[in-house]
């Protein structure tokens, strides 16, 4: 792909923030590769929030033949639903173009118009939900968990909730919040705590896809909330069986694991077997953990998983061959 990318000097010359920039990019646009167009858009995108790209560049992207370029130009644009009593502006035009698009990914962005919470996700298509969550139109952890809990009660399919949860929890800003040790604002600490409380309550009733997307990702303590050991002990078998493999620091999980050792009769056999496996030195390797996570992922693909397993076997065979050759030559590896 590198041969289709702009050099650092050319990219800087095209995107330098001066009056000539629009003329340079508009002139170069028809001859740029798809990769270079994405590169230009990325360079001119300076952050989240409302539309950060200049309108003229969004219009260039919308008129492009490539659906991914159209999507890339519109994903951070501000949309407004046209109304007869409002003067028409570019945000209405962006919405209309996305709405009328024949490309599903581009069309999915239209659902973010007027969205300032998560309620709009209820009636959106699954592709629209994922596109909206991916682009961080709203990234409040506590509000998302509240919506997720309500969506579960409303009967949105488990696999769709699992995909939404995975998309949201992989946002960089959300991951940073979940790893925050100290919140400067008391309200932020309070809402963050409410978020993990909702998430742990959801794990008690979630289906397999949603549960897999929450496991190992939700801390036991955040902000002003710490999940009590008694609550952690009252989780479903699959959650209890995951505790021995927990790698993120958690004093509460450690206490539960100690209780599993001292009072095994309190816990399901499967959870105790997991603990025994770990205590006997049978903690999975990084490769095994990766495969376990892939199998439990809402976005898993059998073809992909089979490829991973075949690759692992090929690597194992190659290592054996290297060992045989090394021994024949008197080399120790």
C-alpha atoms as a PDB file:
ATOM      1  CA  UNK A   1       0.000   0.000   0.000  1.00  0.00           C
ATOM      2  CA  UNK A   2       2.929   2.356   0.653  1.00  0.00           C
ATOM      3  CA  UNK A   3       3.452   3.079  -3.050  1.00  0.00           C
ATOM      4  CA  UNK A   4      -0.073   4.550  -3.136  1.00  0.00           C
ATOM      5  CA  UNK A   5       0.505   6.816  -0.134  1.00  0.00           C
ATOM      6  CA  UNK A   6       1.691  10.390  -0.326  1.00  0.00           C
ATOM      7  CA  UNK A   7       5.167  11.182   0.891  1.00  0.00           C
ATOM      8  CA  UNK A   8       5.463  13.227   4.060  1.00  0.00           C
ATOM      9  CA  UNK A   9       6.651  16.286   2.131  1.00  0.00           C
ATOM     10  CA  UNK A  10       3.865  16.122  -0.459  1.00  0.00           C
ATOM     11  CA  UNK A  11       1.208  15.564   2.218  1.00  0.00           C
ATOM     12  CA  UNK A  12       2.456  18.536   4.226  1.00  0.00           C
ATOM     13  CA  UNK A  13       2.505  20.747   1.109  1.00  0.00           C
ATOM     14  CA  UNK A  14      -1.067  19.797   0.182  1.00  0.00           C
ATOM     15  CA  UNK A  15      -2.576  20.086   3.667  1.00  0.00           C
ATOM     16  CA  UNK A  16      -0.723  23.115   5.046  1.00  0.00           C
ATOM     17  CA  UNK A  17      -3.354  25.379   6.610  1.00  0.00           C
ATOM     18  CA  UNK A  18      -3.209  28.311   4.181  1.00  0.00           C
ATOM     19  CA  UNK A  19      -5.645  29.757   1.575  1.00  0.00           C
ATOM     20  CA  UNK A  20      -3.959  27.737  -1.185  1.00  0.00           C
ATOM     21  CA  UNK A  21      -4.785  24.395   0.477  1.00  0.00           C
ATOM     22  CA  UNK A  22      -8.280  24.068  -1.013  1.00  0.00           C
ATOM     23  CA  UNK A  23      -7.008  24.759  -4.541  1.00  0.00           C
ATOM     24  CA  UNK A  24      -4.119  22.298  -4.238  1.00  0.00           C
ATOM     25  CA  UNK A  25      -6.221  19.428  -2.872  1.00  0.00           C
ATOM     26  CA  UNK A  26      -9.124  20.049  -5.275  1.00  0.00           C
ATOM     27  CA  UNK A  27      -6.711  19.996  -8.217  1.00  0.00           C
ATOM     28  CA  UNK A  28      -4.907  16.870  -7.037  1.00  0.00           C
ATOM     29  CA  UNK A  29      -8.033  14.970  -5.933  1.00  0.00           C
ATOM     30  CA  UNK A  30      -9.009  13.256  -9.231  1.00  0.00           C
ATOM     31  CA  UNK A  31      -5.528  11.746  -9.594  1.00  0.00           C
ATOM     32  CA  UNK A  32      -5.060  10.653  -5.964  1.00  0.00           C
ATOM     33  CA  UNK A  33      -5.369   6.998  -4.976  1.00  0.00           C
ATOM     34  CA  UNK A  34      -8.003   5.886  -2.454  1.00  0.00           C
ATOM     35  CA  UNK A  35      -5.284   5.499   0.188  1.00  0.00           C
ATOM     36  CA  UNK A  36      -4.001   9.023  -0.466  1.00  0.00           C
ATOM     37  CA  UNK A  37      -7.487  10.510  -0.224  1.00  0.00           C
ATOM     38  CA  UNK A  38      -8.014   8.834   3.159  1.00  0.00           C
ATOM     39  CA  UNK A  39      -4.589  10.131   4.160  1.00  0.00           C
ATOM     40  CA  UNK A  40      -5.542  13.713   3.257  1.00  0.00           C
ATOM     41  CA  UNK A  41      -8.862  13.490   5.100  1.00  0.00           C
ATOM     42  CA  UNK A  42      -7.176  12.050   8.188  1.00  0.00           C
ATOM     43  CA  UNK A  43      -4.564  14.800   8.199  1.00  0.00           C
ATOM     44  CA  UNK A  44      -7.229  17.487   8.098  1.00  0.00           C
ATOM     45  CA  UNK A  45      -9.284  15.849  10.825  1.00  0.00           C
ATOM     46  CA  UNK A  46      -8.073  17.439  14.007  1.00  0.00           C
ATOM     47  CA  UNK A  47     -10.366  15.851  16.600  1.00  0.00           C
ATOM     48  CA  UNK A  48     -13.906  14.832  17.470  1.00  0.00           C
ATOM     49  CA  UNK A  49     -17.023  16.872  18.151  1.00  0.00           C
ATOM     50  CA  UNK A  50     -18.800  18.748  15.389  1.00  0.00           C
ATOM     51  CA  UNK A  51     -17.618  18.748  11.812  1.00  0.00           C
ATOM     52  CA  UNK A  52     -13.872  19.362  11.871  1.00  0.00           C
ATOM     53  CA  UNK A  53     -13.284  18.977   8.153  1.00  0.00           C
ATOM     54  CA  UNK A  54     -13.849  21.963   5.886  1.00  0.00           C
ATOM     55  CA  UNK A  55     -17.102  21.695   3.953  1.00  0.00           C
ATOM     56  CA  UNK A  56     -15.347  21.750   0.590  1.00  0.00           C
ATOM     57  CA  UNK A  57     -13.364  18.604   1.488  1.00  0.00           C
ATOM     58  CA  UNK A  58     -16.489  16.784   2.676  1.00  0.00           C
ATOM     59  CA  UNK A  59     -18.177  17.649  -0.626  1.00  0.00           C
ATOM     60  CA  UNK A  60     -15.127  16.328  -2.488  1.00  0.00           C
ATOM     61  CA  UNK A  61     -15.335  13.076  -0.543  1.00  0.00           C
ATOM     62  CA  UNK A  62     -19.105  12.761  -1.044  1.00  0.00           C
ATOM     63  CA  UNK A  63     -18.652  13.069  -4.793  1.00  0.00           C
ATOM     64  CA  UNK A  64     -15.930  10.445  -4.938  1.00  0.00           C
ATOM     65  CA  UNK A  65     -16.522   7.136  -6.690  1.00  0.00           C
ATOM     66  CA  UNK A  66     -15.174   5.127  -3.755  1.00  0.00           C
ATOM     67  CA  UNK A  67     -17.692   4.309  -0.973  1.00  0.00           C
ATOM     68  CA  UNK A  68     -14.935   4.202   1.665  1.00  0.00           C
ATOM     69  CA  UNK A  69     -13.798   7.716   0.717  1.00  0.00           C
ATOM     70  CA  UNK A  70     -17.410   8.911   0.961  1.00  0.00           C
ATOM     71  CA  UNK A  71     -17.692   7.301   4.384  1.00  0.00           C
ATOM     72  CA  UNK A  72     -14.342   8.707   5.545  1.00  0.00           C
ATOM     73  CA  UNK A  73     -15.360  12.228   4.625  1.00  0.00           C
ATOM     74  CA  UNK A  74     -18.789  11.992   6.270  1.00  0.00           C
ATOM     75  CA  UNK A  75     -18.019  10.023   9.433  1.00  0.00           C
ATOM     76  CA  UNK A  76     -17.044  13.133  11.424  1.00  0.00           C
ATOM     77  CA  UNK A  77     -19.422  15.545   9.704  1.00  0.00           C
ATOM     78  CA  UNK A  78     -22.241  17.209  11.609  1.00  0.00           C
ATOM     79  CA  UNK A  79     -25.671  16.189  10.294  1.00  0.00           C
ATOM     80  CA  UNK A  80     -28.922  18.076  10.598  1.00  0.00           C
ATOM     81  CA  UNK A  81     -32.305  16.810   9.411  1.00  0.00           C
ATOM     82  CA  UNK A  82     -33.815  19.320   6.930  1.00  0.00           C
ATOM     83  CA  UNK A  83     -36.938  21.157   8.088  1.00  0.00           C
ATOM     84  CA  UNK A  84     -39.136  23.516   6.061  1.00  0.00           C
ATOM     85  CA  UNK A  85     -38.845  26.317   8.610  1.00  0.00           C
ATOM     86  CA  UNK A  86     -35.033  26.214   8.737  1.00  0.00           C
ATOM     87  CA  UNK A  87     -32.691  27.766   6.164  1.00  0.00           C
ATOM     88  CA  UNK A  88     -30.755  25.084   4.297  1.00  0.00           C
ATOM     89  CA  UNK A  89     -27.096  24.668   5.212  1.00  0.00           C
ATOM     90  CA  UNK A  90     -24.277  22.216   4.530  1.00  0.00           C
ATOM     91  CA  UNK A  91     -25.121  19.977   7.505  1.00  0.00           C
ATOM     92  CA  UNK A  92     -28.556  19.330   5.964  1.00  0.00           C
ATOM     93  CA  UNK A  93     -26.927  18.591   2.626  1.00  0.00           C
ATOM     94  CA  UNK A  94     -24.565  16.071   4.272  1.00  0.00           C
ATOM     95  CA  UNK A  95     -27.532  14.337   5.890  1.00  0.00           C
ATOM     96  CA  UNK A  96     -29.479  14.217   2.635  1.00  0.00           C
ATOM     97  CA  UNK A  97     -26.554  12.821   0.659  1.00  0.00           C
ATOM     98  CA  UNK A  98     -25.923  10.122   3.254  1.00  0.00           C
ATOM     99  CA  UNK A  99     -29.624   9.323   3.473  1.00  0.00           C
ATOM    100  CA  UNK A 100     -29.945   8.954  -0.306  1.00  0.00           C
ATOM    101  CA  UNK A 101     -26.759   6.909  -0.717  1.00  0.00           C
ATOM    102  CA  UNK A 102     -26.998   3.428  -2.243  1.00  0.00           C
ATOM    103  CA  UNK A 103     -23.942   2.357  -0.249  1.00  0.00           C
ATOM    104  CA  UNK A 104     -25.040   0.726   3.058  1.00  0.00           C
ATOM    105  CA  UNK A 105     -22.024   1.953   5.047  1.00  0.00           C
ATOM    106  CA  UNK A 106     -22.471   5.553   3.890  1.00  0.00           C
ATOM    107  CA  UNK A 107     -26.230   5.410   4.372  1.00  0.00           C
ATOM    108  CA  UNK A 108     -25.761   4.104   7.930  1.00  0.00           C
ATOM    109  CA  UNK A 109     -24.258   7.449   8.972  1.00  0.00           C
ATOM    110  CA  UNK A 110     -27.555   9.279   8.414  1.00  0.00           C
ATOM    111  CA  UNK A 111     -28.865   7.808  11.675  1.00  0.00           C
ATOM    112  CA  UNK A 112     -26.541  10.021  13.712  1.00  0.00           C
ATOM    113  CA  UNK A 113     -28.486  13.175  12.764  1.00  0.00           C
ATOM    114  CA  UNK A 114     -29.703  14.875  15.930  1.00  0.00           C
ATOM    115  CA  UNK A 115     -28.203  12.161  18.117  1.00  0.00           C
ATOM    116  CA  UNK A 116     -27.007  13.402  21.503  1.00  0.00           C
ATOM    117  CA  UNK A 117     -27.651  10.210  23.487  1.00  0.00           C
ATOM    118  CA  UNK A 118     -28.040   6.526  22.862  1.00  0.00           C
ATOM    119  CA  UNK A 119     -31.822   6.326  22.515  1.00  0.00           C
ATOM    120  CA  UNK A 120     -31.541   6.807  18.754  1.00  0.00           C
ATOM    121  CA  UNK A 121     -29.797   3.436  18.570  1.00  0.00           C
ATOM    122  CA  UNK A 122     -33.020   1.631  19.465  1.00  0.00           C
ATOM    123  CA  UNK A 123     -34.626   2.076  16.063  1.00  0.00           C
ATOM    124  CA  UNK A 124     -31.436   2.246  14.006  1.00  0.00           C
ATOM    125  CA  UNK A 125     -30.156  -0.591  11.842  1.00  0.00           C
ATOM    126  CA  UNK A 126     -27.325  -2.637  13.315  1.00  0.00           C
ATOM    127  CA  UNK A 127     -24.884  -1.226  10.774  1.00  0.00           C
ATOM    128  CA  UNK A 128     -25.904   2.314  11.795  1.00  0.00           C
ATOM    129  CA  UNK A 129     -25.415   1.465  15.481  1.00  0.00           C
ATOM    130  CA  UNK A 130     -21.917   0.177  14.849  1.00  0.00           C
ATOM    131  CA  UNK A 131     -20.962   3.134  12.633  1.00  0.00           C
ATOM    132  CA  UNK A 132     -22.266   5.640  15.192  1.00  0.00           C
ATOM    133  CA  UNK A 133     -20.471   3.925  18.072  1.00  0.00           C
ATOM    134  CA  UNK A 134     -17.238   3.527  16.118  1.00  0.00           C
ATOM    135  CA  UNK A 135     -17.079   7.217  15.365  1.00  0.00           C
ATOM    136  CA  UNK A 136     -17.605   8.214  18.980  1.00  0.00           C
ATOM    137  CA  UNK A 137     -20.580  10.501  18.408  1.00  0.00           C
ATOM    138  CA  UNK A 138     -21.245   9.922  22.083  1.00  0.00           C
ATOM    139  CA  UNK A 139     -18.830   8.153  24.415  1.00  0.00           C
ATOM    140  CA  UNK A 140     -20.315   8.399  27.911  1.00  0.00           C
ATOM    141  CA  UNK A 141     -19.626   4.999  29.519  1.00  0.00           C
ATOM    142  CA  UNK A 142     -22.387   5.162  32.149  1.00  0.00           C
ATOM    143  CA  UNK A 143     -25.028   6.278  29.641  1.00  0.00           C
ATOM    144  CA  UNK A 144     -24.012   3.551  27.214  1.00  0.00           C
ATOM    145  CA  UNK A 145     -24.280   0.864  29.894  1.00  0.00           C
ATOM    146  CA  UNK A 146     -27.686   2.220  30.865  1.00  0.00           C
ATOM    147  CA  UNK A 147     -28.818   2.018  27.224  1.00  0.00           C
ATOM    148  CA  UNK A 148     -27.340  -1.486  26.886  1.00  0.00           C
ATOM    149  CA  UNK A 149     -29.262  -2.665  29.936  1.00  0.00           C
ATOM    150  CA  UNK A 150     -32.515  -1.187  28.615  1.00  0.00           C
ATOM    151  CA  UNK A 151     -31.870  -2.572  25.137  1.00  0.00           C
ATOM    152  CA  UNK A 152     -31.473  -6.030  26.681  1.00  0.00           C
ATOM    153  CA  UNK A 153     -34.834  -5.649  28.421  1.00  0.00           C
ATOM    154  CA  UNK A 154     -36.395  -4.434  25.165  1.00  0.00           C
ATOM    155  CA  UNK A 155     -35.345  -7.646  23.422  1.00  0.00           C
ATOM    156  CA  UNK A 156     -32.646  -6.438  21.039  1.00  0.00           C
ATOM    157  CA  UNK A 157     -30.871  -9.665  19.942  1.00  0.00           C
ATOM    158  CA  UNK A 158     -27.914 -10.801  22.032  1.00  0.00           C
ATOM    159  CA  UNK A 159     -25.480 -10.898  19.117  1.00  0.00           C
ATOM    160  CA  UNK A 160     -26.340  -7.294  18.167  1.00  0.00           C
ATOM    161  CA  UNK A 161     -25.842  -6.093  21.753  1.00  0.00           C
ATOM    162  CA  UNK A 162     -22.532  -7.960  21.914  1.00  0.00           C
ATOM    163  CA  UNK A 163     -21.329  -6.272  18.735  1.00  0.00           C
ATOM    164  CA  UNK A 164     -22.394  -2.828  20.000  1.00  0.00           C
ATOM    165  CA  UNK A 165     -20.664  -3.410  23.314  1.00  0.00           C
ATOM    166  CA  UNK A 166     -17.444  -4.577  21.656  1.00  0.00           C
ATOM    167  CA  UNK A 167     -17.456  -1.556  19.347  1.00  0.00           C
ATOM    168  CA  UNK A 168     -17.994   0.874  22.215  1.00  0.00           C
ATOM    169  CA  UNK A 169     -15.534  -0.632  24.695  1.00  0.00           C
ATOM    170  CA  UNK A 170     -12.770  -0.513  22.088  1.00  0.00           C
ATOM    171  CA  UNK A 171     -13.005   3.273  21.786  1.00  0.00           C
ATOM    172  CA  UNK A 172      -9.742   4.754  23.024  1.00  0.00           C
ATOM    173  CA  UNK A 173     -11.511   7.372  25.155  1.00  0.00           C
ATOM    174  CA  UNK A 174     -13.605   4.670  26.852  1.00  0.00           C
ATOM    175  CA  UNK A 175     -10.564   2.502  27.538  1.00  0.00           C
ATOM    176  CA  UNK A 176      -8.859   5.518  29.101  1.00  0.00           C
ATOM    177  CA  UNK A 177     -11.869   6.139  31.341  1.00  0.00           C
ATOM    178  CA  UNK A 178     -11.989   2.507  32.457  1.00  0.00           C
ATOM    179  CA  UNK A 179      -8.320   2.678  33.472  1.00  0.00           C
ATOM    180  CA  UNK A 180      -8.609   6.028  35.272  1.00  0.00           C
ATOM    181  CA  UNK A 181      -7.344   5.894  38.857  1.00  0.00           C
ATOM    182  CA  UNK A 182      -8.465   9.361  39.926  1.00  0.00           C
ATOM    183  CA  UNK A 183     -11.284  11.570  38.651  1.00  0.00           C
ATOM    184  CA  UNK A 184     -10.862  15.306  39.166  1.00  0.00           C
ATOM    185  CA  UNK A 185     -14.625  15.911  39.197  1.00  0.00           C
ATOM    186  CA  UNK A 186     -16.835  14.183  41.757  1.00  0.00           C
ATOM    187  CA  UNK A 187     -19.701  13.871  39.284  1.00  0.00           C
ATOM    188  CA  UNK A 188     -17.463  12.044  36.794  1.00  0.00           C
ATOM    189  CA  UNK A 189     -16.367   9.659  39.541  1.00  0.00           C
ATOM    190  CA  UNK A 190     -20.002   9.045  40.478  1.00  0.00           C
ATOM    191  CA  UNK A 191     -21.209   8.339  36.934  1.00  0.00           C
ATOM    192  CA  UNK A 192     -18.219   6.109  36.161  1.00  0.00           C
ATOM    193  CA  UNK A 193     -19.060   4.050  39.241  1.00  0.00           C
ATOM    194  CA  UNK A 194     -22.696   3.788  38.159  1.00  0.00           C
ATOM    195  CA  UNK A 195     -21.476   2.541  34.813  1.00  0.00           C
ATOM    196  CA  UNK A 196     -19.545  -0.436  36.180  1.00  0.00           C
ATOM    197  CA  UNK A 197     -22.396  -1.226  38.573  1.00  0.00           C
ATOM    198  CA  UNK A 198     -24.784  -1.471  35.615  1.00  0.00           C
ATOM    199  CA  UNK A 199     -22.275  -3.536  33.653  1.00  0.00           C
ATOM    200  CA  UNK A 200     -21.784  -6.100  36.431  1.00  0.00           C
ATOM    201  CA  UNK A 201     -25.542  -6.383  36.970  1.00  0.00           C
ATOM    202  CA  UNK A 202     -25.914  -6.926  33.238  1.00  0.00           C
ATOM    203  CA  UNK A 203     -23.398  -9.781  33.346  1.00  0.00           C
ATOM    204  CA  UNK A 204     -25.800 -11.693  35.596  1.00  0.00           C
ATOM    205  CA  UNK A 205     -28.416 -11.937  32.853  1.00  0.00           C
ATOM    206  CA  UNK A 206     -26.585 -11.299  29.573  1.00  0.00           C
ATOM    207  CA  UNK A 207     -26.589 -13.825  26.757  1.00  0.00           C
ATOM    208  CA  UNK A 208     -23.342 -15.419  25.566  1.00  0.00           C
ATOM    209  CA  UNK A 209     -22.384 -12.774  22.985  1.00  0.00           C
ATOM    210  CA  UNK A 210     -22.960  -9.805  25.264  1.00  0.00           C
ATOM    211  CA  UNK A 211     -21.341 -11.542  28.225  1.00  0.00           C
ATOM    212  CA  UNK A 212     -18.242 -12.348  26.173  1.00  0.00           C
ATOM    213  CA  UNK A 213     -17.918  -8.703  25.174  1.00  0.00           C
ATOM    214  CA  UNK A 214     -18.063  -7.583  28.827  1.00  0.00           C
ATOM    215  CA  UNK A 215     -15.853 -10.242  30.426  1.00  0.00           C
ATOM    216  CA  UNK A 216     -12.292  -9.127  31.309  1.00  0.00           C
ATOM    217  CA  UNK A 217     -13.078  -5.574  30.141  1.00  0.00           C
ATOM    218  CA  UNK A 218     -15.069  -4.136  33.041  1.00  0.00           C
ATOM    219  CA  UNK A 219     -13.109  -3.229  36.203  1.00  0.00           C
ATOM    220  CA  UNK A 220     -14.389  -4.089  39.676  1.00  0.00           C
ATOM    221  CA  UNK A 221     -13.594  -0.629  40.998  1.00  0.00           C
ATOM    222  CA  UNK A 222     -13.951   2.721  39.263  1.00  0.00           C
ATOM    223  CA  UNK A 223     -14.682   6.208  40.498  1.00  0.00           C
ATOM    224  CA  UNK A 224     -16.811   6.067  43.635  1.00  0.00           C
ATOM    225  CA  UNK A 225     -17.936   2.464  43.169  1.00  0.00           C
ATOM    226  CA  UNK A 226     -16.365  -0.854  44.124  1.00  0.00           C
ATOM    227  CA  UNK A 227     -18.238  -4.053  43.353  1.00  0.00           C
ATOM    228  CA  UNK A 228     -18.564  -6.040  46.577  1.00  0.00           C
ATOM    229  CA  UNK A 229     -17.016  -9.490  46.824  1.00  0.00           C
ATOM    230  CA  UNK A 230     -20.426 -10.939  47.739  1.00  0.00           C
ATOM    231  CA  UNK A 231     -21.862  -9.686  44.438  1.00  0.00           C
ATOM    232  CA  UNK A 232     -18.921 -11.088  42.475  1.00  0.00           C
ATOM    233  CA  UNK A 233     -19.453 -14.462  44.159  1.00  0.00           C
ATOM    234  CA  UNK A 234     -23.077 -14.449  43.005  1.00  0.00           C
ATOM    235  CA  UNK A 235     -22.253 -14.277  39.307  1.00  0.00           C
ATOM    236  CA  UNK A 236     -23.151 -16.967  36.711  1.00  0.00           C
ATOM    237  CA  UNK A 237     -20.896 -19.987  36.248  1.00  0.00           C
ATOM    238  CA  UNK A 238     -19.184 -18.613  33.133  1.00  0.00           C
ATOM    239  CA  UNK A 239     -18.177 -15.437  34.964  1.00  0.00           C
ATOM    240  CA  UNK A 240     -16.970 -17.332  38.040  1.00  0.00           C
ATOM    241  CA  UNK A 241     -14.940 -19.633  35.809  1.00  0.00           C
ATOM    242  CA  UNK A 242     -13.233 -16.598  34.282  1.00  0.00           C
ATOM    243  CA  UNK A 243     -11.926 -15.182  37.585  1.00  0.00           C
ATOM    244  CA  UNK A 244      -8.843 -17.444  37.819  1.00  0.00           C
ATOM    245  CA  UNK A 245      -7.720 -16.162  34.393  1.00  0.00           C
ATOM    246  CA  UNK A 246      -8.236 -12.482  35.280  1.00  0.00           C
ATOM    247  CA  UNK A 247      -5.064 -10.579  34.395  1.00  0.00           C
ATOM    248  CA  UNK A 248      -6.109  -6.995  35.157  1.00  0.00           C
ATOM    249  CA  UNK A 249      -5.296  -5.925  38.745  1.00  0.00           C
ATOM    250  CA  UNK A 250      -8.369  -6.392  40.942  1.00  0.00           C
ATOM    251  CA  UNK A 251      -8.258  -6.830  44.685  1.00  0.00           C
ATOM    252  CA  UNK A 252     -11.895  -7.938  44.670  1.00  0.00           C
ATOM    253  CA  UNK A 253     -11.304 -10.698  42.087  1.00  0.00           C
ATOM    254  CA  UNK A 254      -8.272 -11.851  44.063  1.00  0.00           C
ATOM    255  CA  UNK A 255     -10.447 -12.127  47.175  1.00  0.00           C
ATOM    256  CA  UNK A 256     -13.025 -14.198  45.301  1.00  0.00           C
ATOM    257  CA  UNK A 257     -10.301 -16.522  44.005  1.00  0.00           C
ATOM    258  CA  UNK A 258      -9.048 -17.007  47.564  1.00  0.00           C
ATOM    259  CA  UNK A 259     -12.586 -17.875  48.640  1.00  0.00           C
ATOM    260  CA  UNK A 260     -12.739 -20.412  45.816  1.00  0.00           C
ATOM    261  CA  UNK A 261      -9.619 -22.047  47.216  1.00  0.00           C
ATOM    262  CA  UNK A 262     -10.775 -22.059  50.846  1.00  0.00           C
ATOM    263  CA  UNK A 263     -14.464 -22.821  50.241  1.00  0.00           C
ATOM    264  CA  UNK A 264     -14.721 -24.733  46.944  1.00  0.00           C
ATOM    265  CA  UNK A 265     -18.117 -26.145  47.898  1.00  0.00           C
ATOM    266  CA  UNK A 266     -19.613 -22.640  47.476  1.00  0.00           C
ATOM    267  CA  UNK A 267     -18.809 -22.519  43.775  1.00  0.00           C
ATOM    268  CA  UNK A 268     -19.757 -24.470  40.617  1.00  0.00           C
ATOM    269  CA  UNK A 269     -17.525 -27.391  39.620  1.00  0.00           C
ATOM    270  CA  UNK A 270     -16.528 -25.688  36.381  1.00  0.00           C
ATOM    271  CA  UNK A 271     -15.204 -22.637  38.256  1.00  0.00           C
ATOM    272  CA  UNK A 272     -13.180 -24.842  40.634  1.00  0.00           C
ATOM    273  CA  UNK A 273     -11.773 -26.778  37.673  1.00  0.00           C
ATOM    274  CA  UNK A 274     -10.619 -23.505  36.115  1.00  0.00           C
ATOM    275  CA  UNK A 275      -8.907 -22.566  39.366  1.00  0.00           C
ATOM    276  CA  UNK A 276      -7.270 -25.991  39.694  1.00  0.00           C
ATOM    277  CA  UNK A 277      -6.004 -25.725  36.127  1.00  0.00           C
ATOM    278  CA  UNK A 278      -4.405 -22.347  36.830  1.00  0.00           C
ATOM    279  CA  UNK A 279      -3.018 -23.399  40.223  1.00  0.00           C
ATOM    280  CA  UNK A 280      -1.372 -26.446  38.643  1.00  0.00           C
ATOM    281  CA  UNK A 281       0.552 -24.196  36.278  1.00  0.00           C
ATOM    282  CA  UNK A 282      -1.822 -24.689  33.398  1.00  0.00           C
ATOM    283  CA  UNK A 283      -2.430 -21.015  32.653  1.00  0.00           C
ATOM    284  CA  UNK A 284      -2.994 -20.675  28.888  1.00  0.00           C
ATOM    285  CA  UNK A 285      -0.211 -19.307  26.722  1.00  0.00           C
ATOM    286  CA  UNK A 286      -0.672 -16.014  24.882  1.00  0.00           C
ATOM    287  CA  UNK A 287      -1.580 -17.981  21.726  1.00  0.00           C
ATOM    288  CA  UNK A 288      -4.175 -20.049  23.590  1.00  0.00           C
ATOM    289  CA  UNK A 289      -5.679 -16.957  25.197  1.00  0.00           C
ATOM    290  CA  UNK A 290      -5.896 -15.257  21.803  1.00  0.00           C
ATOM    291  CA  UNK A 291      -7.756 -18.249  20.396  1.00  0.00           C
ATOM    292  CA  UNK A 292     -10.074 -18.400  23.418  1.00  0.00           C
ATOM    293  CA  UNK A 293     -10.896 -14.713  22.988  1.00  0.00           C
ATOM    294  CA  UNK A 294     -11.433 -15.191  19.258  1.00  0.00           C
ATOM    295  CA  UNK A 295     -13.899 -18.032  19.877  1.00  0.00           C
ATOM    296  CA  UNK A 296     -15.800 -15.969  22.451  1.00  0.00           C
ATOM    297  CA  UNK A 297     -15.814 -12.798  20.362  1.00  0.00           C
ATOM    298  CA  UNK A 298     -19.190 -11.626  18.973  1.00  0.00           C
ATOM    299  CA  UNK A 299     -17.413 -10.882  15.691  1.00  0.00           C
ATOM    300  CA  UNK A 300     -15.823 -14.327  15.387  1.00  0.00           C
ATOM    301  CA  UNK A 301     -15.563 -15.939  11.956  1.00  0.00           C
ATOM    302  CA  UNK A 302     -15.140 -19.698  11.531  1.00  0.00           C
ATOM    303  CA  UNK A 303     -12.917 -19.188   8.506  1.00  0.00           C
ATOM    304  CA  UNK A 304     -10.704 -16.792  10.475  1.00  0.00           C
ATOM    305  CA  UNK A 305     -10.559 -19.098  13.475  1.00  0.00           C
ATOM    306  CA  UNK A 306      -9.680 -22.100  11.349  1.00  0.00           C
ATOM    307  CA  UNK A 307      -6.895 -20.033   9.785  1.00  0.00           C
ATOM    308  CA  UNK A 308      -5.561 -19.105  13.224  1.00  0.00           C
ATOM    309  CA  UNK A 309      -5.544 -22.731  14.330  1.00  0.00           C
ATOM    310  CA  UNK A 310      -3.878 -23.894  11.103  1.00  0.00           C
ATOM    311  CA  UNK A 311      -1.235 -21.179  11.462  1.00  0.00           C
ATOM    312  CA  UNK A 312      -0.572 -22.245  15.036  1.00  0.00           C
ATOM    313  CA  UNK A 313      -0.147 -25.870  13.913  1.00  0.00           C
ATOM    314  CA  UNK A 314       2.167 -24.812  11.085  1.00  0.00           C
ATOM    315  CA  UNK A 315       4.305 -22.835  13.535  1.00  0.00           C
ATOM    316  CA  UNK A 316       4.420 -25.819  15.877  1.00  0.00           C
ATOM    317  CA  UNK A 317       5.521 -28.112  13.011  1.00  0.00           C
ATOM    318  CA  UNK A 318       8.160 -25.598  11.976  1.00  0.00           C
ATOM    319  CA  UNK A 319       9.523 -25.444  15.524  1.00  0.00           C
ATOM    320  CA  UNK A 320       9.756 -29.241  15.606  1.00  0.00           C
ATOM    321  CA  UNK A 321      11.649 -29.252  12.314  1.00  0.00           C
ATOM    322  CA  UNK A 322      14.072 -26.626  13.635  1.00  0.00           C
ATOM    323  CA  UNK A 323      14.649 -28.722  16.761  1.00  0.00           C
ATOM    324  CA  UNK A 324      15.406 -31.838  14.690  1.00  0.00           C
ATOM    325  CA  UNK A 325      17.843 -29.976  12.438  1.00  0.00           C
ATOM    326  CA  UNK A 326      19.501 -28.318  15.437  1.00  0.00           C
ATOM    327  CA  UNK A 327      20.041 -31.657  17.196  1.00  0.00           C
ATOM    328  CA  UNK A 328      21.539 -33.225  14.089  1.00  0.00           C
ATOM    329  CA  UNK A 329      24.031 -30.380  13.916  1.00  0.00           C
ATOM    330  CA  UNK A 330      24.723 -30.387  17.626  1.00  0.00           C
ATOM    331  CA  UNK A 331      23.099 -27.008  18.196  1.00  0.00           C
ATOM    332  CA  UNK A 332      21.042 -26.391  21.327  1.00  0.00           C
ATOM    333  CA  UNK A 333      18.038 -24.080  20.982  1.00  0.00           C
END
